[in-house]
Amino acid sequence: MILSPAPAIPLPSRAGVGLKAAHYAPFLEAARRGESAAWVEVHPQNYFCAGGPTLRWLAAIREAVPVSFHSVGLSLGSPNGPDTDELEALAALSLRFEPAMVSDHLSWSTLAGDKMPDLLPVPMTTNSLRHFARSVDQVQERLGRSILIENPSRVLAFRGDSYSEPEFLIELSRRSGCGLLVDVNNIVVGATNVGFDAQAYVDAIAGAPIGEVHIAGHTVEVDADDGALTAIDDHGSPVSEECWQLLGRLLARTGPLPVLLERDNNLPSYDELAAEAALADRLLVSERAHAA
């Protein structure tokens, strides 16, 4: 178990944005004017290279604002544990850029050397919890710091699960010393698809060591035969009203936290993205004033 000191430049309890290459230039221009989002998050896998313009952009962004690394490739739930090549590349990039935070997912995506194009769910059982905690320990030992684990976006639940999702995540944190990244949109998606109570989920997870919060958009498909709803976590739509309401419920219980607006598909202009992130900032200001 690794319990690292606070990073030199921690994430502020403000709104950040998931930064894509299309927004590098307008983001840095806004940062020069003092008008950018307070922090950004990037997928470190996009920067696993020896040099070139991609790393120069990242260096410039890292000089402007705190940066969080949101990994999508460690595959912590795989039978053999974390992907060692991914972990070594992440360790090298983290050493070079000293991100404010590093996170990954309650999922797996690698099996027998084959990489799946998705973050696949893990069962919520005692054996799975034990295995996942070992994987988190391995990553934290290699990075020399605690990481955050994000709650999954689920379409189904496994038969025989012995933990609710909040119970599993809280116990994982207790055993490994990791923090949690609470994706509010994933809660909405899971509540739609699996059928749990989204508000009860938020209330249960609010007391956990949460280091970061995500909000995003999703789409809902309606089955033509029985009218059943399936939520698709596409990160390509504006944040839903239900997601905003759940975010407010969470922050009312936790106080202000770093909140990230994710948008991976159907990218709007940077100004449109920043305007949506500003809604989260206003909510954070409101919660800060209420706490005071």
C-alpha atoms as a PDB file:
ATOM      1  CA  MET A   1       0.000   0.000   0.000  1.00  0.00           C
ATOM      2  CA  ILE A   2       1.346   3.441  -0.966  1.00  0.00           C
ATOM      3  CA  LEU A   3       0.069   6.589   0.712  1.00  0.00           C
ATOM      4  CA  SER A   4       1.842   9.384  -1.102  1.00  0.00           C
ATOM      5  CA  PRO A   5       2.080  12.990   0.040  1.00  0.00           C
ATOM      6  CA  ALA A   6      -0.063  15.563  -1.698  1.00  0.00           C
ATOM      7  CA  PRO A   7       1.270  16.438  -5.171  1.00  0.00           C
ATOM      8  CA  ALA A   8       3.187  19.678  -5.583  1.00  0.00           C
ATOM      9  CA  ILE A   9       0.327  21.135  -7.645  1.00  0.00           C
ATOM     10  CA  PRO A  10      -2.870  19.404  -6.500  1.00  0.00           C
ATOM     11  CA  LEU A  11      -6.096  19.530  -8.436  1.00  0.00           C
ATOM     12  CA  PRO A  12      -8.178  22.522  -7.352  1.00  0.00           C
ATOM     13  CA  SER A  13     -11.796  22.039  -6.313  1.00  0.00           C
ATOM     14  CA  ARG A  14     -12.841  23.659  -9.546  1.00  0.00           C
ATOM     15  CA  ALA A  15     -14.130  22.478 -12.911  1.00  0.00           C
ATOM     16  CA  GLY A  16     -11.690  20.972 -15.385  1.00  0.00           C
ATOM     17  CA  VAL A  17     -12.043  19.631 -18.923  1.00  0.00           C
ATOM     18  CA  GLY A  18     -10.901  16.502 -20.677  1.00  0.00           C
ATOM     19  CA  LEU A  19      -8.465  17.946 -23.194  1.00  0.00           C
ATOM     20  CA  LYS A  20      -8.292  16.699 -26.772  1.00  0.00           C
ATOM     21  CA  ALA A  21      -5.763  17.591 -29.465  1.00  0.00           C
ATOM     22  CA  ALA A  22      -8.327  19.724 -31.312  1.00  0.00           C
ATOM     23  CA  HIS A  23      -8.504  22.033 -28.290  1.00  0.00           C
ATOM     24  CA  TYR A  24      -4.781  22.389 -27.469  1.00  0.00           C
ATOM     25  CA  ALA A  25      -4.339  25.777 -29.135  1.00  0.00           C
ATOM     26  CA  PRO A  26      -7.585  27.461 -27.986  1.00  0.00           C
ATOM     27  CA  PHE A  27      -7.085  26.119 -24.453  1.00  0.00           C
ATOM     28  CA  LEU A  28      -3.575  27.549 -24.185  1.00  0.00           C
ATOM     29  CA  GLU A  29      -4.755  30.856 -25.648  1.00  0.00           C
ATOM     30  CA  ALA A  30      -7.502  30.988 -23.015  1.00  0.00           C
ATOM     31  CA  ALA A  31      -4.947  30.063 -20.342  1.00  0.00           C
ATOM     32  CA  ARG A  32      -2.719  32.984 -21.406  1.00  0.00           C
ATOM     33  CA  ARG A  33      -5.714  35.272 -20.860  1.00  0.00           C
ATOM     34  CA  GLY A  34      -6.436  33.675 -17.495  1.00  0.00           C
ATOM     35  CA  GLU A  35      -9.767  32.390 -18.815  1.00  0.00           C
ATOM     36  CA  SER A  36      -9.195  28.659 -19.229  1.00  0.00           C
ATOM     37  CA  ALA A  37     -10.628  25.812 -17.188  1.00  0.00           C
ATOM     38  CA  ALA A  38      -8.747  25.468 -13.898  1.00  0.00           C
ATOM     39  CA  TRP A  39      -7.244  22.060 -14.774  1.00  0.00           C
ATOM     40  CA  VAL A  40      -7.293  19.392 -17.448  1.00  0.00           C
ATOM     41  CA  GLU A  41      -7.289  15.641 -17.706  1.00  0.00           C
ATOM     42  CA  VAL A  42      -5.653  13.613 -20.478  1.00  0.00           C
ATOM     43  CA  HIS A  43      -5.411   9.941 -21.358  1.00  0.00           C
ATOM     44  CA  PRO A  44      -1.710   9.163 -20.837  1.00  0.00           C
ATOM     45  CA  GLN A  45      -1.826   6.432 -23.495  1.00  0.00           C
ATOM     46  CA  ASN A  46      -2.012   9.243 -26.081  1.00  0.00           C
ATOM     47  CA  TYR A  47       1.439  10.406 -24.930  1.00  0.00           C
ATOM     48  CA  PHE A  48       3.356   7.125 -24.822  1.00  0.00           C
ATOM     49  CA  CYS A  49       5.977   8.310 -27.284  1.00  0.00           C
ATOM     50  CA  ALA A  50       9.645   9.278 -27.146  1.00  0.00           C
ATOM     51  CA  GLY A  51       9.190  12.884 -28.225  1.00  0.00           C
ATOM     52  CA  GLY A  52       7.677  15.135 -30.852  1.00  0.00           C
ATOM     53  CA  PRO A  53       4.854  17.693 -30.946  1.00  0.00           C
ATOM     54  CA  THR A  54       2.453  15.658 -28.777  1.00  0.00           C
ATOM     55  CA  LEU A  55       4.782  15.799 -25.791  1.00  0.00           C
ATOM     56  CA  ARG A  56       5.611  19.452 -26.454  1.00  0.00           C
ATOM     57  CA  TRP A  57       1.891  20.275 -26.272  1.00  0.00           C
ATOM     58  CA  LEU A  58       1.581  18.335 -23.028  1.00  0.00           C
ATOM     59  CA  ALA A  59       4.574  20.161 -21.552  1.00  0.00           C
ATOM     60  CA  ALA A  60       3.035  23.533 -22.427  1.00  0.00           C
ATOM     61  CA  ILE A  61      -0.311  22.534 -20.918  1.00  0.00           C
ATOM     62  CA  ARG A  62       1.403  21.203 -17.782  1.00  0.00           C
ATOM     63  CA  GLU A  63       3.099  24.610 -17.383  1.00  0.00           C
ATOM     64  CA  ALA A  64      -0.263  26.367 -17.593  1.00  0.00           C
ATOM     65  CA  VAL A  65      -2.518  24.295 -15.298  1.00  0.00           C
ATOM     66  CA  PRO A  66      -2.507  21.125 -13.173  1.00  0.00           C
ATOM     67  CA  VAL A  67      -2.892  17.942 -15.223  1.00  0.00           C
ATOM     68  CA  SER A  68      -4.557  14.665 -14.238  1.00  0.00           C
ATOM     69  CA  PHE A  69      -3.659  11.381 -15.978  1.00  0.00           C
ATOM     70  CA  HIS A  70      -6.739   9.223 -16.600  1.00  0.00           C
ATOM     71  CA  SER A  71      -5.424   5.858 -17.758  1.00  0.00           C
ATOM     72  CA  VAL A  72      -7.535   3.522 -19.869  1.00  0.00           C
ATOM     73  CA  GLY A  73      -5.011   0.702 -20.370  1.00  0.00           C
ATOM     74  CA  LEU A  74      -3.812  -0.843 -17.098  1.00  0.00           C
ATOM     75  CA  SER A  75      -6.492  -3.575 -17.216  1.00  0.00           C
ATOM     76  CA  LEU A  76      -6.394  -4.009 -13.452  1.00  0.00           C
ATOM     77  CA  GLY A  77      -9.040  -6.716 -13.405  1.00  0.00           C
ATOM     78  CA  SER A  78      -7.303  -9.058 -15.845  1.00  0.00           C
ATOM     79  CA  PRO A  79      -6.387 -12.525 -14.467  1.00  0.00           C
ATOM     80  CA  ASN A  80      -2.660 -11.754 -14.599  1.00  0.00           C
ATOM     81  CA  GLY A  81      -3.023  -8.333 -13.039  1.00  0.00           C
ATOM     82  CA  PRO A  82      -1.985  -4.995 -14.571  1.00  0.00           C
ATOM     83  CA  ASP A  83      -0.591  -4.837 -18.091  1.00  0.00           C
ATOM     84  CA  THR A  84       3.141  -4.509 -17.336  1.00  0.00           C
ATOM     85  CA  ASP A  85       4.029  -2.655 -20.558  1.00  0.00           C
ATOM     86  CA  GLU A  86       1.288  -0.103 -19.921  1.00  0.00           C
ATOM     87  CA  LEU A  87       2.378   0.284 -16.311  1.00  0.00           C
ATOM     88  CA  GLU A  88       6.013   0.917 -17.234  1.00  0.00           C
ATOM     89  CA  ALA A  89       5.028   3.493 -19.846  1.00  0.00           C
ATOM     90  CA  LEU A  90       2.690   5.192 -17.360  1.00  0.00           C
ATOM     91  CA  ALA A  91       5.426   5.249 -14.714  1.00  0.00           C
ATOM     92  CA  ALA A  92       7.877   6.882 -17.127  1.00  0.00           C
ATOM     93  CA  LEU A  93       5.364   9.509 -18.254  1.00  0.00           C
ATOM     94  CA  SER A  94       4.341  10.239 -14.663  1.00  0.00           C
ATOM     95  CA  LEU A  95       7.966  10.694 -13.642  1.00  0.00           C
ATOM     96  CA  ARG A  96       8.474  13.152 -16.490  1.00  0.00           C
ATOM     97  CA  PHE A  97       5.326  15.259 -16.044  1.00  0.00           C
ATOM     98  CA  GLU A  98       4.412  14.779 -12.360  1.00  0.00           C
ATOM     99  CA  PRO A  99       0.626  14.792 -12.818  1.00  0.00           C
ATOM    100  CA  ALA A 100      -1.542  16.039  -9.982  1.00  0.00           C
ATOM    101  CA  MET A 101      -3.487  12.773 -10.073  1.00  0.00           C
ATOM    102  CA  VAL A 102      -3.385   9.347 -11.727  1.00  0.00           C
ATOM    103  CA  SER A 103      -6.487   7.212 -12.168  1.00  0.00           C
ATOM    104  CA  ASP A 104      -7.785   4.104 -13.901  1.00  0.00           C
ATOM    105  CA  HIS A 105     -10.971   2.035 -13.937  1.00  0.00           C
ATOM    106  CA  LEU A 106     -12.727  -0.792 -12.136  1.00  0.00           C
ATOM    107  CA  SER A 107     -12.468  -2.917 -15.260  1.00  0.00           C
ATOM    108  CA  TRP A 108     -10.317  -5.177 -17.393  1.00  0.00           C
ATOM    109  CA  SER A 109      -9.397  -5.017 -21.090  1.00  0.00           C
ATOM    110  CA  THR A 110      -6.491  -7.436 -21.694  1.00  0.00           C
ATOM    111  CA  LEU A 111      -6.604 -11.235 -21.809  1.00  0.00           C
ATOM    112  CA  ALA A 112      -3.817 -13.573 -22.924  1.00  0.00           C
ATOM    113  CA  GLY A 113      -2.064 -10.697 -24.687  1.00  0.00           C
ATOM    114  CA  ASP A 114      -5.157  -9.557 -26.572  1.00  0.00           C
ATOM    115  CA  LYS A 115      -6.368  -5.995 -25.934  1.00  0.00           C
ATOM    116  CA  MET A 116     -10.118  -5.442 -26.025  1.00  0.00           C
ATOM    117  CA  PRO A 117     -11.461  -2.134 -27.403  1.00  0.00           C
ATOM    118  CA  ASP A 118     -13.513  -1.456 -24.282  1.00  0.00           C
ATOM    119  CA  LEU A 119     -13.405  -1.305 -20.480  1.00  0.00           C
ATOM    120  CA  LEU A 120     -15.089  -4.541 -19.442  1.00  0.00           C
ATOM    121  CA  PRO A 121     -16.832  -5.045 -16.074  1.00  0.00           C
ATOM    122  CA  VAL A 122     -15.660  -7.181 -13.174  1.00  0.00           C
ATOM    123  CA  PRO A 123     -17.876  -9.236 -10.834  1.00  0.00           C
ATOM    124  CA  MET A 124     -18.514  -7.740  -7.386  1.00  0.00           C
ATOM    125  CA  THR A 125     -17.355 -10.746  -5.342  1.00  0.00           C
ATOM    126  CA  THR A 126     -14.886 -11.415  -2.533  1.00  0.00           C
ATOM    127  CA  ASN A 127     -12.402 -13.113  -4.877  1.00  0.00           C
ATOM    128  CA  SER A 128     -12.637 -10.292  -7.406  1.00  0.00           C
ATOM    129  CA  LEU A 129     -12.123  -7.719  -4.662  1.00  0.00           C
ATOM    130  CA  ARG A 130      -9.046  -9.506  -3.359  1.00  0.00           C
ATOM    131  CA  HIS A 131      -7.569  -9.748  -6.851  1.00  0.00           C
ATOM    132  CA  PHE A 132      -8.337  -6.144  -7.730  1.00  0.00           C
ATOM    133  CA  ALA A 133      -6.808  -4.857  -4.491  1.00  0.00           C
ATOM    134  CA  ARG A 134      -3.585  -6.749  -5.307  1.00  0.00           C
ATOM    135  CA  SER A 135      -3.520  -5.151  -8.760  1.00  0.00           C
ATOM    136  CA  VAL A 136      -4.021  -1.673  -7.326  1.00  0.00           C
ATOM    137  CA  ASP A 137      -1.239  -2.312  -4.803  1.00  0.00           C
ATOM    138  CA  GLN A 138       1.097  -3.346  -7.635  1.00  0.00           C
ATOM    139  CA  VAL A 139       0.396  -0.147  -9.572  1.00  0.00           C
ATOM    140  CA  GLN A 140       0.758   2.083  -6.519  1.00  0.00           C
ATOM    141  CA  GLU A 141       4.054   0.435  -5.554  1.00  0.00           C
ATOM    142  CA  ARG A 142       5.420   0.995  -9.067  1.00  0.00           C
ATOM    143  CA  LEU A 143       4.241   4.606  -9.319  1.00  0.00           C
ATOM    144  CA  GLY A 144       5.166   5.448  -5.723  1.00  0.00           C
ATOM    145  CA  ARG A 145       1.827   7.121  -5.151  1.00  0.00           C
ATOM    146  CA  SER A 146      -1.830   6.431  -4.499  1.00  0.00           C
ATOM    147  CA  ILE A 147      -4.155   6.299  -7.488  1.00  0.00           C
ATOM    148  CA  LEU A 148      -7.892   6.763  -8.005  1.00  0.00           C
ATOM    149  CA  ILE A 149     -10.230   4.047  -9.263  1.00  0.00           C
ATOM    150  CA  GLU A 150     -13.320   5.025 -11.271  1.00  0.00           C
ATOM    151  CA  ASN A 151     -16.712   3.380 -10.893  1.00  0.00           C
ATOM    152  CA  PRO A 152     -17.686   1.527 -14.074  1.00  0.00           C
ATOM    153  CA  SER A 153     -20.245   2.229 -16.761  1.00  0.00           C
ATOM    154  CA  ARG A 154     -22.374  -0.913 -16.654  1.00  0.00           C
ATOM    155  CA  VAL A 155     -24.869  -2.464 -19.028  1.00  0.00           C
ATOM    156  CA  LEU A 156     -25.419  -5.571 -16.884  1.00  0.00           C
ATOM    157  CA  ALA A 157     -24.733  -7.087 -13.472  1.00  0.00           C
ATOM    158  CA  PHE A 158     -23.189 -10.485 -12.800  1.00  0.00           C
ATOM    159  CA  ARG A 159     -25.242 -13.257 -11.224  1.00  0.00           C
ATOM    160  CA  GLY A 160     -23.839 -13.969  -7.756  1.00  0.00           C
ATOM    161  CA  ASP A 161     -22.460 -10.504  -6.977  1.00  0.00           C
ATOM    162  CA  SER A 162     -21.993 -10.287  -3.209  1.00  0.00           C
ATOM    163  CA  TYR A 163     -21.335  -6.534  -2.967  1.00  0.00           C
ATOM    164  CA  SER A 164     -23.203  -3.518  -4.190  1.00  0.00           C
ATOM    165  CA  GLU A 165     -21.027  -1.297  -6.350  1.00  0.00           C
ATOM    166  CA  PRO A 166     -20.485   1.385  -3.645  1.00  0.00           C
ATOM    167  CA  GLU A 167     -19.680  -1.321  -1.076  1.00  0.00           C
ATOM    168  CA  PHE A 168     -17.124  -2.882  -3.424  1.00  0.00           C
ATOM    169  CA  LEU A 169     -15.410   0.431  -4.167  1.00  0.00           C
ATOM    170  CA  ILE A 170     -15.319   1.537  -0.535  1.00  0.00           C
ATOM    171  CA  GLU A 171     -13.826  -1.785   0.571  1.00  0.00           C
ATOM    172  CA  LEU A 172     -11.302  -1.634  -2.287  1.00  0.00           C
ATOM    173  CA  SER A 173     -10.217   1.779  -1.052  1.00  0.00           C
ATOM    174  CA  ARG A 174      -9.931   0.519   2.519  1.00  0.00           C
ATOM    175  CA  ARG A 175      -7.806  -2.479   1.535  1.00  0.00           C
ATOM    176  CA  SER A 176      -5.491  -0.801  -0.966  1.00  0.00           C
ATOM    177  CA  GLY A 177      -5.344   2.821   0.156  1.00  0.00           C
ATOM    178  CA  CYS A 178      -6.505   4.039  -3.254  1.00  0.00           C
ATOM    179  CA  GLY A 179      -8.922   6.916  -3.629  1.00  0.00           C
ATOM    180  CA  LEU A 180     -12.036   6.960  -5.769  1.00  0.00           C
ATOM    181  CA  LEU A 181     -12.965   8.781  -8.950  1.00  0.00           C
ATOM    182  CA  VAL A 182     -16.753   9.083  -8.938  1.00  0.00           C
ATOM    183  CA  ASP A 183     -18.217   9.313 -12.437  1.00  0.00           C
ATOM    184  CA  VAL A 184     -21.724  10.654 -11.924  1.00  0.00           C
ATOM    185  CA  ASN A 185     -22.736   9.898 -15.505  1.00  0.00           C
ATOM    186  CA  ASN A 186     -21.715   6.256 -15.002  1.00  0.00           C
ATOM    187  CA  ILE A 187     -24.048   6.142 -12.003  1.00  0.00           C
ATOM    188  CA  VAL A 188     -26.920   7.385 -14.187  1.00  0.00           C
ATOM    189  CA  VAL A 189     -26.052   4.840 -16.898  1.00  0.00           C
ATOM    190  CA  GLY A 190     -25.812   1.966 -14.417  1.00  0.00           C
ATOM    191  CA  ALA A 191     -29.053   2.946 -12.693  1.00  0.00           C
ATOM    192  CA  THR A 192     -30.840   2.908 -16.068  1.00  0.00           C
ATOM    193  CA  ASN A 193     -29.371  -0.406 -17.223  1.00  0.00           C
ATOM    194  CA  VAL A 194     -28.946  -2.405 -14.009  1.00  0.00           C
ATOM    195  CA  GLY A 195     -31.775  -0.897 -11.991  1.00  0.00           C
ATOM    196  CA  PHE A 196     -30.162   0.361  -8.798  1.00  0.00           C
ATOM    197  CA  ASP A 197     -31.190   3.607  -7.075  1.00  0.00           C
ATOM    198  CA  ALA A 198     -28.902   6.409  -8.294  1.00  0.00           C
ATOM    199  CA  GLN A 199     -29.597   8.687  -5.335  1.00  0.00           C
ATOM    200  CA  ALA A 200     -28.945   5.908  -2.824  1.00  0.00           C
ATOM    201  CA  TYR A 201     -25.677   5.169  -4.661  1.00  0.00           C
ATOM    202  CA  VAL A 202     -24.557   8.790  -4.316  1.00  0.00           C
ATOM    203  CA  ASP A 203     -25.469   8.837  -0.631  1.00  0.00           C
ATOM    204  CA  ALA A 204     -23.518   5.612  -0.014  1.00  0.00           C
ATOM    205  CA  ILE A 205     -20.359   6.700  -1.852  1.00  0.00           C
ATOM    206  CA  ALA A 206     -20.243  10.282  -0.544  1.00  0.00           C
ATOM    207  CA  GLY A 207     -18.301   9.346   2.599  1.00  0.00           C
ATOM    208  CA  ALA A 208     -15.526   7.593   0.670  1.00  0.00           C
ATOM    209  CA  PRO A 209     -12.124   9.202  -0.096  1.00  0.00           C
ATOM    210  CA  ILE A 210     -13.116  10.844  -3.396  1.00  0.00           C
ATOM    211  CA  GLY A 211     -10.280  12.594  -5.213  1.00  0.00           C
ATOM    212  CA  GLU A 212     -12.052  13.535  -8.437  1.00  0.00           C
ATOM    213  CA  VAL A 213     -15.526  13.614  -9.998  1.00  0.00           C
ATOM    214  CA  HIS A 214     -16.510  13.167 -13.641  1.00  0.00           C
ATOM    215  CA  ILE A 215     -19.606  14.344 -15.469  1.00  0.00           C
ATOM    216  CA  ALA A 216     -20.432  13.526 -19.083  1.00  0.00           C
ATOM    217  CA  GLY A 217     -23.276  12.864 -21.473  1.00  0.00           C
ATOM    218  CA  HIS A 218     -24.916   9.672 -22.660  1.00  0.00           C
ATOM    219  CA  THR A 219     -27.599   8.557 -25.069  1.00  0.00           C
ATOM    220  CA  VAL A 220     -30.600   6.311 -24.412  1.00  0.00           C
ATOM    221  CA  GLU A 221     -31.857   3.703 -26.850  1.00  0.00           C
ATOM    222  CA  VAL A 222     -35.436   2.376 -26.689  1.00  0.00           C
ATOM    223  CA  ASP A 223     -36.113  -1.256 -27.583  1.00  0.00           C
ATOM    224  CA  ALA A 224     -38.653  -1.363 -30.390  1.00  0.00           C
ATOM    225  CA  ASP A 225     -40.326  -4.501 -29.002  1.00  0.00           C
ATOM    226  CA  ASP A 226     -40.705  -3.958 -25.274  1.00  0.00           C
ATOM    227  CA  GLY A 227     -39.785  -0.295 -24.807  1.00  0.00           C
ATOM    228  CA  ALA A 228     -36.876  -1.144 -22.485  1.00  0.00           C
ATOM    229  CA  LEU A 229     -34.288   1.610 -22.105  1.00  0.00           C
ATOM    230  CA  THR A 230     -30.545   1.113 -22.576  1.00  0.00           C
ATOM    231  CA  ALA A 231     -28.198   3.952 -21.663  1.00  0.00           C
ATOM    232  CA  ILE A 232     -25.036   4.200 -23.771  1.00  0.00           C
ATOM    233  CA  ASP A 233     -22.052   5.940 -22.185  1.00  0.00           C
ATOM    234  CA  ASP A 234     -20.913   7.689 -25.368  1.00  0.00           C
ATOM    235  CA  HIS A 235     -19.374  10.889 -23.938  1.00  0.00           C
ATOM    236  CA  GLY A 236     -20.732  12.571 -27.026  1.00  0.00           C
ATOM    237  CA  SER A 237     -23.712  14.484 -25.688  1.00  0.00           C
ATOM    238  CA  PRO A 238     -24.265  17.377 -23.282  1.00  0.00           C
ATOM    239  CA  VAL A 239     -24.522  16.497 -19.596  1.00  0.00           C
ATOM    240  CA  SER A 240     -28.061  15.339 -18.778  1.00  0.00           C
ATOM    241  CA  GLU A 241     -30.273  17.095 -16.258  1.00  0.00           C
ATOM    242  CA  GLU A 242     -30.284  13.960 -14.082  1.00  0.00           C
ATOM    243  CA  CYS A 243     -26.488  13.974 -14.055  1.00  0.00           C
ATOM    244  CA  TRP A 244     -26.418  17.641 -12.985  1.00  0.00           C
ATOM    245  CA  GLN A 245     -28.900  16.906 -10.204  1.00  0.00           C
ATOM    246  CA  LEU A 246     -26.872  13.942  -8.934  1.00  0.00           C
ATOM    247  CA  LEU A 247     -23.702  16.028  -9.039  1.00  0.00           C
ATOM    248  CA  GLY A 248     -25.401  18.635  -6.860  1.00  0.00           C
ATOM    249  CA  ARG A 249     -26.532  15.902  -4.454  1.00  0.00           C
ATOM    250  CA  LEU A 250     -22.991  14.511  -4.225  1.00  0.00           C
ATOM    251  CA  LEU A 251     -21.326  17.904  -3.663  1.00  0.00           C
ATOM    252  CA  ALA A 252     -23.908  18.818  -1.027  1.00  0.00           C
ATOM    253  CA  ARG A 253     -22.630  15.813   0.927  1.00  0.00           C
ATOM    254  CA  THR A 254     -18.900  16.039   0.193  1.00  0.00           C
ATOM    255  CA  GLY A 255     -18.248  19.745  -0.264  1.00  0.00           C
ATOM    256  CA  PRO A 256     -16.403  21.058  -3.346  1.00  0.00           C
ATOM    257  CA  LEU A 257     -14.229  18.584  -5.261  1.00  0.00           C
ATOM    258  CA  PRO A 258     -12.347  18.678  -8.582  1.00  0.00           C
ATOM    259  CA  VAL A 259     -15.063  18.109 -11.210  1.00  0.00           C
ATOM    260  CA  LEU A 260     -14.169  17.155 -14.772  1.00  0.00           C
ATOM    261  CA  LEU A 261     -16.338  17.563 -17.861  1.00  0.00           C
ATOM    262  CA  GLU A 262     -15.620  14.670 -20.244  1.00  0.00           C
ATOM    263  CA  ARG A 263     -16.365  14.915 -23.935  1.00  0.00           C
ATOM    264  CA  ASP A 264     -14.706  12.321 -26.178  1.00  0.00           C
ATOM    265  CA  ASN A 265     -17.020  12.282 -29.211  1.00  0.00           C
ATOM    266  CA  ASN A 266     -18.939  14.874 -31.247  1.00  0.00           C
ATOM    267  CA  LEU A 267     -16.472  17.445 -29.981  1.00  0.00           C
ATOM    268  CA  PRO A 268     -17.897  20.967 -29.796  1.00  0.00           C
ATOM    269  CA  SER A 269     -15.714  24.049 -30.060  1.00  0.00           C
ATOM    270  CA  TYR A 270     -13.497  24.754 -27.076  1.00  0.00           C
ATOM    271  CA  ASP A 271     -15.673  27.742 -26.176  1.00  0.00           C
ATOM    272  CA  GLU A 272     -18.785  25.533 -26.044  1.00  0.00           C
ATOM    273  CA  LEU A 273     -16.959  22.966 -23.923  1.00  0.00           C
ATOM    274  CA  ALA A 274     -15.707  25.654 -21.556  1.00  0.00           C
ATOM    275  CA  ALA A 275     -19.210  27.108 -21.233  1.00  0.00           C
ATOM    276  CA  GLU A 276     -20.576  23.724 -20.107  1.00  0.00           C
ATOM    277  CA  ALA A 277     -17.685  23.301 -17.661  1.00  0.00           C
ATOM    278  CA  ALA A 278     -18.503  26.755 -16.282  1.00  0.00           C
ATOM    279  CA  LEU A 279     -21.878  25.389 -15.163  1.00  0.00           C
ATOM    280  CA  ALA A 280     -20.011  22.956 -12.919  1.00  0.00           C
ATOM    281  CA  ASP A 281     -17.835  25.796 -11.640  1.00  0.00           C
ATOM    282  CA  ARG A 282     -20.925  27.768 -10.649  1.00  0.00           C
ATOM    283  CA  LEU A 283     -22.247  24.741  -8.778  1.00  0.00           C
ATOM    284  CA  LEU A 284     -18.917  24.401  -6.964  1.00  0.00           C
ATOM    285  CA  VAL A 285     -18.960  28.086  -6.026  1.00  0.00           C
ATOM    286  CA  SER A 286     -22.496  27.678  -4.715  1.00  0.00           C
ATOM    287  CA  GLU A 287     -21.508  24.688  -2.567  1.00  0.00           C
ATOM    288  CA  ARG A 288     -18.444  26.550  -1.275  1.00  0.00           C
ATOM    289  CA  ALA A 289     -20.617  29.501  -0.272  1.00  0.00           C
ATOM    290  CA  HIS A 290     -23.151  27.199   1.365  1.00  0.00           C
ATOM    291  CA  ALA A 291     -20.400  25.485   3.380  1.00  0.00           C
ATOM    292  CA  ALA A 292     -19.013  28.849   4.491  1.00  0.00           C
END
